[in-house]
Amino acid sequence: MKINIDELLANMPKDPDELKIAQEQHRKIIADNREKEKQRKARTHRLCEHGAILEACFPETIQMDSAQFSAFMQELAAGR
């Protein structure tokens, strides 16, 4: 969804206090989005590390497809 500059200016609050409130809301949204991205990247990194450790311990899993890997993990978990 593209908004041109004229629409942005038309929708921009005219009152300085309202403008400050709107700016603060946008800053919070941006900060929240950055935090979510940071959490996603940390999760992705963790999953990659765990997968690498798993493959190092069980090299036969490298050649498995998803269904085979899932069955292998279920067997492994059942053998606790």
Protein backbone atom coordinates (compact mmCIF):
# COMPACT_ATOMS: atom_id res chain seq x y z
CA MET A 1 0.00 0.00 0.00
CA LYS A 2 1.63 3.19 -1.18
CA ILE A 3 0.68 6.57 0.20
CA ASN A 4 1.88 9.69 -1.54
CA ILE A 5 3.30 12.69 0.28
CA ASP A 6 0.13 14.76 -0.19
CA GLU A 7 -1.96 12.15 1.63
CA LEU A 8 0.58 11.99 4.44
CA LEU A 9 0.58 15.76 4.85
CA ALA A 10 -3.23 15.90 4.72
CA ASN A 11 -3.52 13.26 7.45
CA MET A 12 -0.78 14.70 9.63
CA PRO A 13 -2.01 16.23 12.90
CA LYS A 14 -1.96 20.02 12.83
CA ASP A 15 -1.84 20.53 16.60
CA PRO A 16 1.75 20.31 17.95
CA ASP A 17 0.62 18.24 20.94
CA GLU A 18 -1.22 15.77 18.72
CA LEU A 19 1.81 15.62 16.45
CA LYS A 20 4.07 14.75 19.41
CA ILE A 21 1.64 12.03 20.51
CA ALA A 22 1.52 10.58 16.99
CA GLN A 23 5.32 10.67 16.73
CA GLU A 24 5.67 8.90 20.06
CA GLN A 25 3.18 6.22 18.98
CA HIS A 26 5.16 5.66 15.78
CA ARG A 27 8.43 5.49 17.72
CA LYS A 28 6.90 2.83 19.97
CA ILE A 29 5.68 0.83 16.95
CA ILE A 30 9.14 1.01 15.39
CA ALA A 31 10.78 -0.05 18.67
CA ASP A 32 8.33 -2.96 19.02
CA ASN A 33 9.04 -4.05 15.45
CA ARG A 34 12.79 -3.93 16.09
CA GLU A 35 12.37 -6.05 19.21
CA LYS A 36 10.25 -8.61 17.34
CA GLU A 37 12.87 -8.80 14.58
CA LYS A 38 15.61 -9.22 17.18
CA GLN A 39 13.66 -12.09 18.79
CA ARG A 40 13.03 -13.74 15.41
CA LYS A 41 16.72 -13.55 14.52
CA ALA A 42 17.72 -14.99 17.92
CA ARG A 43 15.26 -17.88 17.45
CA THR A 44 16.52 -18.57 13.93
CA HIS A 45 20.11 -18.55 15.16
CA ARG A 46 19.25 -20.89 18.04
CA LEU A 47 17.41 -23.31 15.72
CA CYS A 48 20.34 -23.38 13.31
CA GLU A 49 22.80 -24.03 16.14
CA HIS A 50 20.64 -26.81 17.59
CA GLY A 51 20.23 -28.38 14.15
CA ALA A 52 23.98 -28.31 13.59
CA ILE A 53 24.61 -29.96 16.97
CA LEU A 54 21.98 -32.60 16.18
CA GLU A 55 23.55 -33.34 12.80
CA ALA A 56 27.00 -33.57 14.39
CA CYS A 57 25.73 -36.10 16.94
CA PHE A 58 23.54 -38.01 14.47
CA PRO A 59 25.06 -37.64 10.98
CA GLU A 60 22.50 -40.02 9.49
CA THR A 61 19.85 -37.31 9.96
CA ILE A 62 21.49 -35.19 7.23
CA GLN A 63 20.08 -37.43 4.47
CA MET A 64 16.59 -37.76 6.02
CA ASP A 65 13.52 -35.96 4.73
CA SER A 66 11.14 -34.24 7.17
CA ALA A 67 8.94 -37.30 7.76
CA GLN A 68 11.93 -39.56 8.41
CA PHE A 69 13.51 -36.99 10.69
CA SER A 70 10.29 -36.58 12.64
CA ALA A 71 9.98 -40.36 13.10
CA PHE A 72 13.62 -40.53 14.18
CA MET A 73 13.10 -37.79 16.77
CA GLN A 74 9.95 -39.46 18.09
CA GLU A 75 11.82 -42.76 18.50
CA LEU A 76 14.66 -40.94 20.19
CA ALA A 77 12.27 -39.17 22.57
CA ALA A 78 10.38 -42.39 23.35
CA GLY A 79 13.62 -44.08 24.35
CA ARG A 80 14.22 -41.73 27.27
